[in-house]
Amino acid sequence: MTVTKKRLSERKHQAILDAAAEEFMEFGFQGANMDRVASRAEVSKRTVYNHFASKESLFESITRQIWHQAQTATDVPFQADVAIADQLLNIAERELALLESPHYLRLTAVVLAEFARSQELATQARDWVKQEESGARRWMDQAVAAGRLNTDDAETATTQFFSLIKGRAFWPQMIEHAPIPTAAEQARIAQSSVALFLDHYGLKDDR
């Protein structure tokens, strides 16, 4: 395949993913239609199936795309010479910046709804998620290894840190259709999440 053809194929691939995301957000997984996906992407239905064997594989690709977006948003290097509180605040702010995206929230809601309907899809997603280490988890591992946090369980610490954030800036939007927090509210969420986390995991002389 020539470079030009490869780039054209990549553009079509992304166009199909973008079209499918809109289709799933509008109609849900069950109501989504591959003919409409092709029309939205301005490609033939055959082209759609050349890139994705089924609606399920297309949905999985979008799910992976969301996961990758979420993980790379907080993929920051651990800095031994920077205060833990400042580093955690940066991670929290990056996470909140992602969670203020209406497109991300709407698409995530579709994915979660389908996981609730299909145990098979949820199990498949859980299996490949386990194989990928998030950027934030790597940061937490390094902070623990450096003796900068009062725990030897980086996995639990990571889960609890993001639970503090998402309890106020993700789940209310998913479940209650609450408005996206304002910039001032996001700042308070980030600061209070870091403070609560360090109250349990922080070292008194390293905050």
N, C-alpha and C. Protein backbone atom coordinates (compact mmCIF):
# COMPACT_ATOMS: atom_id res chain seq x y z
N MET A 1 0.84 -1.19 0.00
CA MET A 1 0.00 0.00 0.00
C MET A 1 0.88 1.25 0.00
N THR A 2 0.62 2.17 -0.92
CA THR A 2 1.40 3.40 -0.98
C THR A 2 1.07 4.28 0.21
N VAL A 3 1.94 5.27 0.46
CA VAL A 3 1.72 6.19 1.58
C VAL A 3 0.39 6.93 1.41
N THR A 4 0.10 7.36 0.17
CA THR A 4 -1.14 8.10 -0.09
C THR A 4 -2.36 7.23 0.21
N LYS A 5 -2.34 5.98 -0.26
CA LYS A 5 -3.46 5.08 -0.02
C LYS A 5 -3.61 4.76 1.46
N LYS A 6 -2.46 4.63 2.15
CA LYS A 6 -2.51 4.34 3.58
C LYS A 6 -3.14 5.50 4.34
N ARG A 7 -2.76 6.73 3.98
CA ARG A 7 -3.34 7.90 4.65
C ARG A 7 -4.83 8.01 4.37
N LEU A 8 -5.23 7.71 3.12
CA LEU A 8 -6.65 7.75 2.77
C LEU A 8 -7.42 6.71 3.57
N SER A 9 -6.84 5.52 3.71
CA SER A 9 -7.48 4.46 4.49
C SER A 9 -7.60 4.87 5.96
N GLU A 10 -6.56 5.50 6.49
CA GLU A 10 -6.59 5.95 7.89
C GLU A 10 -7.66 7.02 8.09
N ARG A 11 -7.80 7.92 7.11
CA ARG A 11 -8.82 8.97 7.21
C ARG A 11 -10.22 8.36 7.18
N LYS A 12 -10.41 7.37 6.31
CA LYS A 12 -11.71 6.70 6.24
C LYS A 12 -12.00 5.96 7.53
N HIS A 13 -10.98 5.32 8.08
CA HIS A 13 -11.12 4.58 9.34
C HIS A 13 -11.60 5.52 10.45
N GLN A 14 -10.96 6.68 10.55
CA GLN A 14 -11.33 7.63 11.59
C GLN A 14 -12.70 8.24 11.31
N ALA A 15 -13.00 8.47 10.03
CA ALA A 15 -14.32 9.02 9.68
C ALA A 15 -15.42 8.05 10.08
N ILE A 16 -15.18 6.77 9.91
CA ILE A 16 -16.16 5.75 10.31
C ILE A 16 -16.33 5.74 11.82
N LEU A 17 -15.21 5.83 12.55
CA LEU A 17 -15.29 5.87 14.01
C LEU A 17 -16.07 7.10 14.48
N ASP A 18 -15.79 8.25 13.89
CA ASP A 18 -16.49 9.48 14.27
C ASP A 18 -17.98 9.37 13.96
N ALA A 19 -18.29 8.81 12.79
CA ALA A 19 -19.69 8.65 12.40
C ALA A 19 -20.41 7.67 13.33
N ALA A 20 -19.72 6.59 13.68
CA ALA A 20 -20.32 5.60 14.58
C ALA A 20 -20.56 6.19 15.96
N ALA A 21 -19.64 7.02 16.42
CA ALA A 21 -19.82 7.66 17.73
C ALA A 21 -21.10 8.49 17.74
N GLU A 22 -21.31 9.27 16.68
CA GLU A 22 -22.53 10.07 16.58
C GLU A 22 -23.76 9.18 16.50
N GLU A 23 -23.65 8.11 15.74
CA GLU A 23 -24.78 7.17 15.59
C GLU A 23 -25.13 6.52 16.93
N PHE A 24 -24.13 6.06 17.66
CA PHE A 24 -24.38 5.42 18.95
C PHE A 24 -24.95 6.42 19.95
N MET A 25 -24.46 7.66 19.93
CA MET A 25 -24.97 8.65 20.87
C MET A 25 -26.42 9.00 20.57
N GLU A 26 -26.80 8.98 19.31
CA GLU A 26 -28.17 9.34 18.94
C GLU A 26 -29.15 8.19 19.12
N PHE A 27 -28.71 6.96 18.77
CA PHE A 27 -29.65 5.84 18.75
C PHE A 27 -29.33 4.74 19.76
N GLY A 28 -28.17 4.83 20.44
CA GLY A 28 -27.77 3.74 21.31
C GLY A 28 -27.23 2.58 20.49
N PHE A 29 -26.66 1.59 21.17
CA PHE A 29 -26.07 0.46 20.44
C PHE A 29 -27.14 -0.33 19.70
N GLN A 30 -28.23 -0.64 20.38
CA GLN A 30 -29.27 -1.47 19.77
C GLN A 30 -29.90 -0.80 18.56
N GLY A 31 -30.08 0.51 18.63
CA GLY A 31 -30.75 1.21 17.54
C GLY A 31 -29.82 1.67 16.43
N ALA A 32 -28.51 1.56 16.66
CA ALA A 32 -27.55 2.02 15.66
C ALA A 32 -27.64 1.17 14.40
N ASN A 33 -27.41 1.82 13.26
CA ASN A 33 -27.58 1.16 11.97
C ASN A 33 -26.33 1.40 11.12
N MET A 34 -25.77 0.32 10.58
CA MET A 34 -24.52 0.44 9.82
C MET A 34 -24.72 1.20 8.51
N ASP A 35 -25.92 1.16 7.96
CA ASP A 35 -26.18 1.96 6.75
C ASP A 35 -26.05 3.44 7.06
N ARG A 36 -26.61 3.85 8.20
CA ARG A 36 -26.51 5.26 8.59
C ARG A 36 -25.07 5.63 8.93
N VAL A 37 -24.33 4.71 9.53
CA VAL A 37 -22.91 4.97 9.83
C VAL A 37 -22.17 5.26 8.52
N ALA A 38 -22.42 4.44 7.51
CA ALA A 38 -21.77 4.64 6.21
C ALA A 38 -22.16 5.99 5.62
N SER A 39 -23.43 6.33 5.73
CA SER A 39 -23.90 7.61 5.19
C SER A 39 -23.26 8.78 5.93
N ARG A 40 -23.19 8.70 7.24
CA ARG A 40 -22.57 9.77 8.03
C ARG A 40 -21.09 9.93 7.68
N ALA A 41 -20.42 8.80 7.45
CA ALA A 41 -18.99 8.83 7.15
C ALA A 41 -18.70 9.14 5.69
N GLU A 42 -19.77 9.15 4.88
CA GLU A 42 -19.65 9.40 3.44
C GLU A 42 -18.76 8.36 2.77
N VAL A 43 -19.00 7.11 3.15
CA VAL A 43 -18.32 5.98 2.52
C VAL A 43 -19.37 4.92 2.22
N SER A 44 -18.99 3.91 1.46
CA SER A 44 -19.92 2.83 1.17
C SER A 44 -20.04 1.90 2.37
N LYS A 45 -21.14 1.15 2.42
CA LYS A 45 -21.31 0.19 3.49
C LYS A 45 -20.22 -0.88 3.42
N ARG A 46 -19.81 -1.22 2.21
CA ARG A 46 -18.73 -2.20 2.04
C ARG A 46 -17.44 -1.70 2.68
N THR A 47 -17.18 -0.40 2.53
CA THR A 47 -15.98 0.18 3.14
C THR A 47 -16.03 0.07 4.66
N VAL A 48 -17.22 0.31 5.22
CA VAL A 48 -17.38 0.18 6.67
C VAL A 48 -17.00 -1.23 7.11
N TYR A 49 -17.51 -2.23 6.39
CA TYR A 49 -17.25 -3.62 6.78
C TYR A 49 -15.82 -4.05 6.43
N ASN A 50 -15.17 -3.35 5.52
CA ASN A 50 -13.75 -3.62 5.27
C ASN A 50 -12.90 -3.22 6.47
N HIS A 51 -13.37 -2.20 7.19
CA HIS A 51 -12.62 -1.72 8.36
C HIS A 51 -13.09 -2.39 9.66
N PHE A 52 -14.38 -2.69 9.73
CA PHE A 52 -14.95 -3.27 10.95
C PHE A 52 -15.89 -4.42 10.57
N ALA A 53 -15.61 -5.59 11.10
CA ALA A 53 -16.35 -6.78 10.68
C ALA A 53 -17.81 -6.77 11.12
N SER A 54 -18.12 -6.02 12.17
CA SER A 54 -19.48 -6.03 12.70
C SER A 54 -19.73 -4.77 13.51
N LYS A 55 -20.99 -4.57 13.87
CA LYS A 55 -21.32 -3.43 14.73
C LYS A 55 -20.66 -3.60 16.09
N GLU A 56 -20.54 -4.84 16.54
CA GLU A 56 -19.89 -5.11 17.83
C GLU A 56 -18.42 -4.71 17.81
N SER A 57 -17.72 -5.03 16.72
CA SER A 57 -16.30 -4.68 16.64
C SER A 57 -16.12 -3.17 16.53
N LEU A 58 -17.05 -2.51 15.88
CA LEU A 58 -17.01 -1.05 15.79
C LEU A 58 -17.24 -0.43 17.16
N PHE A 59 -18.18 -0.98 17.90
CA PHE A 59 -18.46 -0.50 19.25
C PHE A 59 -17.25 -0.72 20.16
N GLU A 60 -16.60 -1.87 20.02
CA GLU A 60 -15.41 -2.15 20.83
C GLU A 60 -14.30 -1.15 20.51
N SER A 61 -14.13 -0.81 19.25
CA SER A 61 -13.10 0.15 18.86
C SER A 61 -13.36 1.52 19.48
N ILE A 62 -14.62 1.91 19.52
CA ILE A 62 -14.97 3.19 20.13
C ILE A 62 -14.74 3.14 21.64
N THR A 63 -15.07 2.00 22.24
CA THR A 63 -14.84 1.84 23.67
C THR A 63 -13.35 1.95 23.98
N ARG A 64 -12.53 1.32 23.15
CA ARG A 64 -11.08 1.40 23.35
C ARG A 64 -10.59 2.83 23.16
N GLN A 65 -11.19 3.55 22.22
CA GLN A 65 -10.81 4.93 21.97
C GLN A 65 -11.11 5.80 23.19
N ILE A 66 -12.26 5.57 23.81
CA ILE A 66 -12.62 6.31 25.02
C ILE A 66 -11.64 6.00 26.14
N TRP A 67 -11.35 4.71 26.29
CA TRP A 67 -10.41 4.29 27.34
C TRP A 67 -9.04 4.94 27.13
N HIS A 68 -8.57 4.93 25.88
CA HIS A 68 -7.27 5.52 25.58
C HIS A 68 -7.28 7.02 25.88
N GLN A 69 -8.36 7.68 25.53
CA GLN A 69 -8.48 9.11 25.79
C GLN A 69 -8.44 9.40 27.29
N ALA A 70 -9.13 8.57 28.05
CA ALA A 70 -9.17 8.76 29.50
C ALA A 70 -7.80 8.52 30.13
N GLN A 71 -7.10 7.51 29.64
CA GLN A 71 -5.81 7.17 30.24
C GLN A 71 -4.71 8.16 29.86
N THR A 72 -4.69 8.60 28.62
CA THR A 72 -3.65 9.53 28.20
C THR A 72 -3.85 10.92 28.80
N ALA A 73 -5.09 11.24 29.17
CA ALA A 73 -5.36 12.56 29.76
C ALA A 73 -4.56 12.77 31.04
N THR A 74 -4.33 11.70 31.78
CA THR A 74 -3.62 11.82 33.05
C THR A 74 -2.26 11.11 33.03
N ASP A 75 -1.72 10.95 31.84
CA ASP A 75 -0.41 10.29 31.70
C ASP A 75 0.69 11.33 31.86
N VAL A 76 1.12 11.52 33.09
CA VAL A 76 2.16 12.51 33.38
C VAL A 76 3.31 11.81 34.10
N PRO A 77 4.53 12.30 33.92
CA PRO A 77 5.68 11.66 34.58
C PRO A 77 5.75 12.02 36.06
N PHE A 78 6.20 11.08 36.86
CA PHE A 78 6.45 11.37 38.27
C PHE A 78 7.72 12.21 38.36
N GLN A 79 7.67 13.26 39.19
CA GLN A 79 8.81 14.17 39.34
C GLN A 79 9.28 14.15 40.79
N ALA A 80 10.44 13.60 41.00
CA ALA A 80 10.95 13.43 42.36
C ALA A 80 11.20 14.75 43.07
N ASP A 81 11.43 15.82 42.31
CA ASP A 81 11.77 17.10 42.92
C ASP A 81 10.59 18.06 43.02
N VAL A 82 9.37 17.56 42.79
CA VAL A 82 8.17 18.40 42.86
C VAL A 82 7.27 17.87 43.97
N ALA A 83 6.65 18.79 44.71
CA ALA A 83 5.77 18.40 45.81
C ALA A 83 4.66 17.47 45.32
N ILE A 84 4.34 16.47 46.12
CA ILE A 84 3.30 15.51 45.76
C ILE A 84 1.97 16.21 45.53
N ALA A 85 1.64 17.17 46.38
CA ALA A 85 0.36 17.87 46.24
C ALA A 85 0.25 18.57 44.89
N ASP A 86 1.33 19.19 44.46
CA ASP A 86 1.32 19.89 43.17
C ASP A 86 1.14 18.92 42.01
N GLN A 87 1.78 17.77 42.10
CA GLN A 87 1.66 16.77 41.03
C GLN A 87 0.25 16.19 40.99
N LEU A 88 -0.31 15.90 42.15
CA LEU A 88 -1.67 15.37 42.20
C LEU A 88 -2.68 16.39 41.71
N LEU A 89 -2.45 17.65 42.03
CA LEU A 89 -3.35 18.71 41.57
C LEU A 89 -3.33 18.78 40.04
N ASN A 90 -2.16 18.63 39.45
CA ASN A 90 -2.05 18.63 37.99
C ASN A 90 -2.84 17.47 37.39
N ILE A 91 -2.71 16.29 37.98
CA ILE A 91 -3.44 15.12 37.49
C ILE A 91 -4.94 15.34 37.62
N ALA A 92 -5.37 15.87 38.76
CA ALA A 92 -6.80 16.12 38.98
C ALA A 92 -7.34 17.12 37.97
N GLU A 93 -6.59 18.17 37.70
CA GLU A 93 -7.04 19.19 36.75
C GLU A 93 -7.13 18.63 35.34
N ARG A 94 -6.20 17.76 34.98
CA ARG A 94 -6.24 17.14 33.65
C ARG A 94 -7.45 16.21 33.53
N GLU A 95 -7.74 15.48 34.59
CA GLU A 95 -8.92 14.60 34.59
C GLU A 95 -10.20 15.41 34.47
N LEU A 96 -10.29 16.49 35.20
CA LEU A 96 -11.48 17.34 35.16
C LEU A 96 -11.66 18.01 33.80
N ALA A 97 -10.56 18.33 33.15
CA ALA A 97 -10.64 18.92 31.81
C ALA A 97 -11.27 17.93 30.83
N LEU A 98 -10.95 16.65 30.99
CA LEU A 98 -11.57 15.63 30.14
C LEU A 98 -13.05 15.48 30.48
N LEU A 99 -13.37 15.48 31.76
CA LEU A 99 -14.74 15.23 32.20
C LEU A 99 -15.68 16.39 31.92
N GLU A 100 -15.16 17.54 31.49
CA GLU A 100 -16.05 18.65 31.15
C GLU A 100 -16.48 18.60 29.68
N SER A 101 -16.00 17.60 28.94
CA SER A 101 -16.36 17.47 27.53
C SER A 101 -17.73 16.80 27.38
N PRO A 102 -18.74 17.51 26.88
CA PRO A 102 -20.06 16.90 26.69
C PRO A 102 -20.01 15.68 25.77
N HIS A 103 -19.18 15.75 24.73
CA HIS A 103 -19.06 14.63 23.80
C HIS A 103 -18.53 13.39 24.51
N TYR A 104 -17.50 13.56 25.32
CA TYR A 104 -16.94 12.43 26.07
C TYR A 104 -17.97 11.85 27.03
N LEU A 105 -18.69 12.71 27.72
CA LEU A 105 -19.68 12.24 28.69
C LEU A 105 -20.83 11.51 28.00
N ARG A 106 -21.31 12.04 26.88
CA ARG A 106 -22.41 11.40 26.17
C ARG A 106 -22.01 10.03 25.63
N LEU A 107 -20.83 9.96 25.06
CA LEU A 107 -20.38 8.69 24.49
C LEU A 107 -20.09 7.68 25.59
N THR A 108 -19.53 8.13 26.69
CA THR A 108 -19.29 7.24 27.82
C THR A 108 -20.60 6.70 28.37
N ALA A 109 -21.63 7.54 28.41
CA ALA A 109 -22.94 7.10 28.89
C ALA A 109 -23.49 5.97 28.02
N VAL A 110 -23.30 6.09 26.70
CA VAL A 110 -23.76 5.03 25.78
C VAL A 110 -23.02 3.73 26.06
N VAL A 111 -21.71 3.83 26.25
CA VAL A 111 -20.89 2.64 26.51
C VAL A 111 -21.30 1.98 27.82
N LEU A 112 -21.49 2.78 28.87
CA LEU A 112 -21.87 2.22 30.17
C LEU A 112 -23.25 1.56 30.11
N ALA A 113 -24.16 2.17 29.36
CA ALA A 113 -25.50 1.59 29.22
C ALA A 113 -25.43 0.23 28.53
N GLU A 114 -24.57 0.12 27.53
CA GLU A 114 -24.44 -1.15 26.83
C GLU A 114 -23.76 -2.20 27.71
N PHE A 115 -22.81 -1.77 28.52
CA PHE A 115 -22.18 -2.70 29.46
C PHE A 115 -23.21 -3.24 30.46
N ALA A 116 -24.13 -2.37 30.88
CA ALA A 116 -25.17 -2.81 31.81
C ALA A 116 -26.10 -3.82 31.15
N ARG A 117 -26.30 -3.69 29.84
CA ARG A 117 -27.18 -4.60 29.11
C ARG A 117 -26.50 -5.92 28.78
N SER A 118 -25.20 -5.85 28.44
CA SER A 118 -24.50 -7.03 27.95
C SER A 118 -23.31 -7.37 28.85
N GLN A 119 -23.44 -8.44 29.60
CA GLN A 119 -22.34 -8.88 30.46
C GLN A 119 -21.14 -9.30 29.62
N GLU A 120 -21.40 -9.85 28.43
CA GLU A 120 -20.31 -10.30 27.57
C GLU A 120 -19.42 -9.13 27.14
N LEU A 121 -20.05 -8.04 26.70
CA LEU A 121 -19.26 -6.87 26.29
C LEU A 121 -18.51 -6.28 27.48
N ALA A 122 -19.18 -6.23 28.63
CA ALA A 122 -18.54 -5.68 29.82
C ALA A 122 -17.34 -6.52 30.23
N THR A 123 -17.48 -7.84 30.14
CA THR A 123 -16.38 -8.74 30.51
C THR A 123 -15.21 -8.60 29.55
N GLN A 124 -15.51 -8.49 28.25
CA GLN A 124 -14.45 -8.31 27.26
C GLN A 124 -13.68 -7.02 27.52
N ALA A 125 -14.42 -5.95 27.80
CA ALA A 125 -13.77 -4.67 28.08
C ALA A 125 -12.91 -4.75 29.34
N ARG A 126 -13.44 -5.39 30.37
CA ARG A 126 -12.69 -5.54 31.62
C ARG A 126 -11.39 -6.29 31.39
N ASP A 127 -11.44 -7.32 30.54
CA ASP A 127 -10.25 -8.14 30.29
C ASP A 127 -9.15 -7.34 29.60
N TRP A 128 -9.51 -6.55 28.56
CA TRP A 128 -8.43 -5.82 27.90
C TRP A 128 -8.01 -4.57 28.66
N VAL A 129 -8.91 -4.03 29.49
CA VAL A 129 -8.51 -2.90 30.34
C VAL A 129 -7.45 -3.35 31.34
N LYS A 130 -7.61 -4.57 31.86
CA LYS A 130 -6.65 -5.09 32.83
C LYS A 130 -5.26 -5.24 32.23
N GLN A 131 -5.19 -5.39 30.91
CA GLN A 131 -3.91 -5.59 30.25
C GLN A 131 -3.17 -4.27 30.01
N GLU A 132 -3.86 -3.16 30.20
CA GLU A 132 -3.25 -1.86 29.94
C GLU A 132 -3.14 -1.06 31.24
N GLU A 133 -1.95 -0.59 31.52
CA GLU A 133 -1.73 0.19 32.73
C GLU A 133 -1.93 1.67 32.41
N SER A 134 -2.73 2.34 33.20
CA SER A 134 -3.00 3.75 32.93
C SER A 134 -1.81 4.61 33.31
N GLY A 135 -1.77 5.82 32.72
CA GLY A 135 -0.70 6.75 33.05
C GLY A 135 -0.72 7.13 34.51
N ALA A 136 -1.91 7.35 35.05
CA ALA A 136 -2.03 7.72 36.46
C ALA A 136 -1.56 6.59 37.37
N ARG A 137 -1.85 5.36 36.97
CA ARG A 137 -1.39 4.22 37.78
C ARG A 137 0.13 4.14 37.76
N ARG A 138 0.76 4.41 36.62
CA ARG A 138 2.22 4.41 36.57
C ARG A 138 2.78 5.48 37.49
N TRP A 139 2.14 6.65 37.48
CA TRP A 139 2.59 7.74 38.36
C TRP A 139 2.49 7.29 39.82
N MET A 140 1.37 6.67 40.17
CA MET A 140 1.16 6.24 41.55
C MET A 140 2.17 5.17 41.94
N ASP A 141 2.45 4.24 41.03
CA ASP A 141 3.46 3.20 41.30
C ASP A 141 4.82 3.84 41.61
N GLN A 142 5.18 4.84 40.82
CA GLN A 142 6.47 5.49 41.00
C GLN A 142 6.52 6.30 42.29
N ALA A 143 5.39 6.94 42.63
CA ALA A 143 5.34 7.71 43.88
C ALA A 143 5.47 6.79 45.09
N VAL A 144 4.81 5.64 45.02
CA VAL A 144 4.89 4.66 46.11
C VAL A 144 6.32 4.11 46.20
N ALA A 145 6.90 3.76 45.06
CA ALA A 145 8.26 3.21 45.04
C ALA A 145 9.28 4.20 45.59
N ALA A 146 9.01 5.49 45.39
CA ALA A 146 9.92 6.53 45.87
C ALA A 146 9.70 6.85 47.35
N GLY A 147 8.72 6.19 47.96
CA GLY A 147 8.44 6.43 49.37
C GLY A 147 7.75 7.75 49.63
N ARG A 148 7.03 8.26 48.63
CA ARG A 148 6.40 9.58 48.76
C ARG A 148 4.93 9.48 49.16
N LEU A 149 4.40 8.26 49.24
CA LEU A 149 3.03 8.04 49.69
C LEU A 149 3.02 6.95 50.75
N ASN A 150 2.12 7.08 51.70
CA ASN A 150 2.06 6.16 52.83
C ASN A 150 1.18 4.95 52.50
N THR A 151 1.64 4.14 51.55
CA THR A 151 0.92 2.92 51.16
C THR A 151 1.84 2.07 50.31
N ASP A 152 1.53 0.79 50.23
CA ASP A 152 2.22 -0.08 49.28
C ASP A 152 1.23 -0.63 48.26
N ASP A 153 0.02 -0.07 48.25
CA ASP A 153 -1.04 -0.52 47.35
C ASP A 153 -1.41 0.60 46.39
N ALA A 154 -0.63 0.71 45.31
CA ALA A 154 -0.85 1.79 44.35
C ALA A 154 -2.18 1.65 43.62
N GLU A 155 -2.61 0.42 43.41
CA GLU A 155 -3.87 0.20 42.68
C GLU A 155 -5.06 0.78 43.44
N THR A 156 -5.14 0.48 44.74
CA THR A 156 -6.23 1.00 45.55
C THR A 156 -6.14 2.52 45.67
N ALA A 157 -4.93 3.02 45.85
CA ALA A 157 -4.75 4.47 45.96
C ALA A 157 -5.22 5.18 44.70
N THR A 158 -4.90 4.62 43.54
CA THR A 158 -5.33 5.21 42.27
C THR A 158 -6.85 5.24 42.18
N THR A 159 -7.47 4.11 42.51
CA THR A 159 -8.94 4.02 42.45
C THR A 159 -9.58 5.04 43.38
N GLN A 160 -9.06 5.16 44.58
CA GLN A 160 -9.66 6.07 45.55
C GLN A 160 -9.47 7.53 45.15
N PHE A 161 -8.32 7.86 44.58
CA PHE A 161 -8.09 9.24 44.16
C PHE A 161 -9.09 9.66 43.09
N PHE A 162 -9.26 8.81 42.08
CA PHE A 162 -10.18 9.17 41.01
C PHE A 162 -11.64 9.07 41.44
N SER A 163 -11.92 8.25 42.43
CA SER A 163 -13.28 8.19 42.97
C SER A 163 -13.65 9.52 43.64
N LEU A 164 -12.69 10.14 44.30
CA LEU A 164 -12.94 11.44 44.91
C LEU A 164 -13.33 12.48 43.86
N ILE A 165 -12.67 12.42 42.72
CA ILE A 165 -12.95 13.38 41.64
C ILE A 165 -14.28 13.05 40.96
N LYS A 166 -14.43 11.79 40.57
CA LYS A 166 -15.61 11.40 39.78
C LYS A 166 -16.89 11.39 40.60
N GLY A 167 -16.75 11.30 41.90
CA GLY A 167 -17.95 11.36 42.74
C GLY A 167 -18.65 12.69 42.66
N ARG A 168 -17.92 13.72 42.20
CA ARG A 168 -18.50 15.06 42.09
C ARG A 168 -18.49 15.61 40.67
N ALA A 169 -17.73 14.98 39.78
CA ALA A 169 -17.61 15.55 38.43
C ALA A 169 -17.72 14.51 37.33
N PHE A 170 -18.39 13.40 37.61
CA PHE A 170 -18.65 12.41 36.56
C PHE A 170 -19.95 11.67 36.83
N TRP A 171 -20.02 11.00 37.98
CA TRP A 171 -21.23 10.22 38.26
C TRP A 171 -22.49 11.07 38.41
N PRO A 172 -22.42 12.25 38.99
CA PRO A 172 -23.65 13.08 39.01
C PRO A 172 -24.15 13.41 37.61
N GLN A 173 -23.22 13.60 36.66
CA GLN A 173 -23.61 13.89 35.29
C GLN A 173 -24.17 12.63 34.61
N MET A 174 -23.59 11.48 34.92
CA MET A 174 -24.04 10.22 34.33
C MET A 174 -25.42 9.81 34.84
N ILE A 175 -25.62 9.93 36.15
CA ILE A 175 -26.82 9.38 36.79
C ILE A 175 -27.93 10.40 36.96
N GLU A 176 -27.55 11.62 37.33
CA GLU A 176 -28.55 12.64 37.67
C GLU A 176 -28.69 13.71 36.60
N HIS A 177 -27.90 13.62 35.52
CA HIS A 177 -27.88 14.65 34.48
C HIS A 177 -27.55 16.02 35.07
N ALA A 178 -26.68 16.01 36.06
CA ALA A 178 -26.26 17.27 36.69
C ALA A 178 -25.43 18.08 35.70
N PRO A 179 -25.43 19.40 35.85
CA PRO A 179 -24.62 20.23 34.94
C PRO A 179 -23.13 19.98 35.16
N ILE A 180 -22.36 20.22 34.11
CA ILE A 180 -20.91 20.11 34.21
C ILE A 180 -20.41 21.19 35.16
N PRO A 181 -19.54 20.86 36.10
CA PRO A 181 -19.04 21.87 37.05
C PRO A 181 -18.39 23.05 36.34
N THR A 182 -18.59 24.23 36.91
CA THR A 182 -17.94 25.42 36.37
C THR A 182 -16.44 25.36 36.65
N ALA A 183 -15.71 26.29 36.07
CA ALA A 183 -14.26 26.32 36.28
C ALA A 183 -13.94 26.48 37.77
N ALA A 184 -14.69 27.34 38.45
CA ALA A 184 -14.46 27.55 39.89
C ALA A 184 -14.77 26.28 40.67
N GLU A 185 -15.85 25.60 40.30
CA GLU A 185 -16.22 24.35 40.98
C GLU A 185 -15.18 23.27 40.71
N GLN A 186 -14.67 23.22 39.49
CA GLN A 186 -13.63 22.24 39.17
C GLN A 186 -12.38 22.48 40.01
N ALA A 187 -12.03 23.72 40.20
CA ALA A 187 -10.85 24.05 41.01
C ALA A 187 -11.04 23.57 42.44
N ARG A 188 -12.25 23.77 42.97
CA ARG A 188 -12.52 23.33 44.35
C ARG A 188 -12.51 21.81 44.44
N ILE A 189 -13.07 21.14 43.42
CA ILE A 189 -13.08 19.67 43.41
C ILE A 189 -11.65 19.14 43.39
N ALA A 190 -10.82 19.72 42.54
CA ALA A 190 -9.42 19.28 42.43
C ALA A 190 -8.69 19.47 43.75
N GLN A 191 -8.83 20.65 44.34
CA GLN A 191 -8.12 20.95 45.58
C GLN A 191 -8.59 20.08 46.74
N SER A 192 -9.91 19.91 46.86
CA SER A 192 -10.42 19.12 47.98
C SER A 192 -10.10 17.63 47.80
N SER A 193 -10.09 17.15 46.55
CA SER A 193 -9.76 15.75 46.30
C SER A 193 -8.32 15.46 46.69
N VAL A 194 -7.42 16.36 46.33
CA VAL A 194 -6.01 16.20 46.68
C VAL A 194 -5.83 16.25 48.20
N ALA A 195 -6.52 17.20 48.84
CA ALA A 195 -6.39 17.34 50.29
C ALA A 195 -6.88 16.09 51.02
N LEU A 196 -8.04 15.58 50.61
CA LEU A 196 -8.58 14.38 51.25
C LEU A 196 -7.69 13.17 51.01
N PHE A 197 -7.18 13.05 49.80
CA PHE A 197 -6.30 11.93 49.47
C PHE A 197 -5.03 11.97 50.32
N LEU A 198 -4.44 13.15 50.44
CA LEU A 198 -3.19 13.26 51.19
C LEU A 198 -3.41 13.17 52.70
N ASP A 199 -4.62 13.47 53.16
CA ASP A 199 -4.91 13.27 54.58
C ASP A 199 -4.71 11.81 54.96
N HIS A 200 -4.97 10.92 54.02
CA HIS A 200 -4.83 9.48 54.29
C HIS A 200 -3.48 8.93 53.83
N TYR A 201 -3.05 9.34 52.64
CA TYR A 201 -1.86 8.73 52.03
C TYR A 201 -0.60 9.60 52.11
N GLY A 202 -0.77 10.86 52.45
CA GLY A 202 0.38 11.76 52.40
C GLY A 202 1.32 11.63 53.59
N LEU A 203 2.55 12.05 53.38
CA LEU A 203 3.54 12.13 54.45
C LEU A 203 3.53 13.55 54.99
N LYS A 204 3.59 13.71 56.28
CA LYS A 204 3.42 15.03 56.90
C LYS A 204 4.44 16.05 56.40
N ASP A 205 5.65 15.60 56.09
CA ASP A 205 6.68 16.54 55.67
C ASP A 205 6.82 16.62 54.15
N ASP A 206 5.83 16.10 53.41
CA ASP A 206 5.94 16.08 51.95
C ASP A 206 4.59 16.37 51.32
N ARG A 207 4.11 17.59 51.51
CA ARG A 207 2.83 17.98 50.93
C ARG A 207 2.94 19.31 50.21
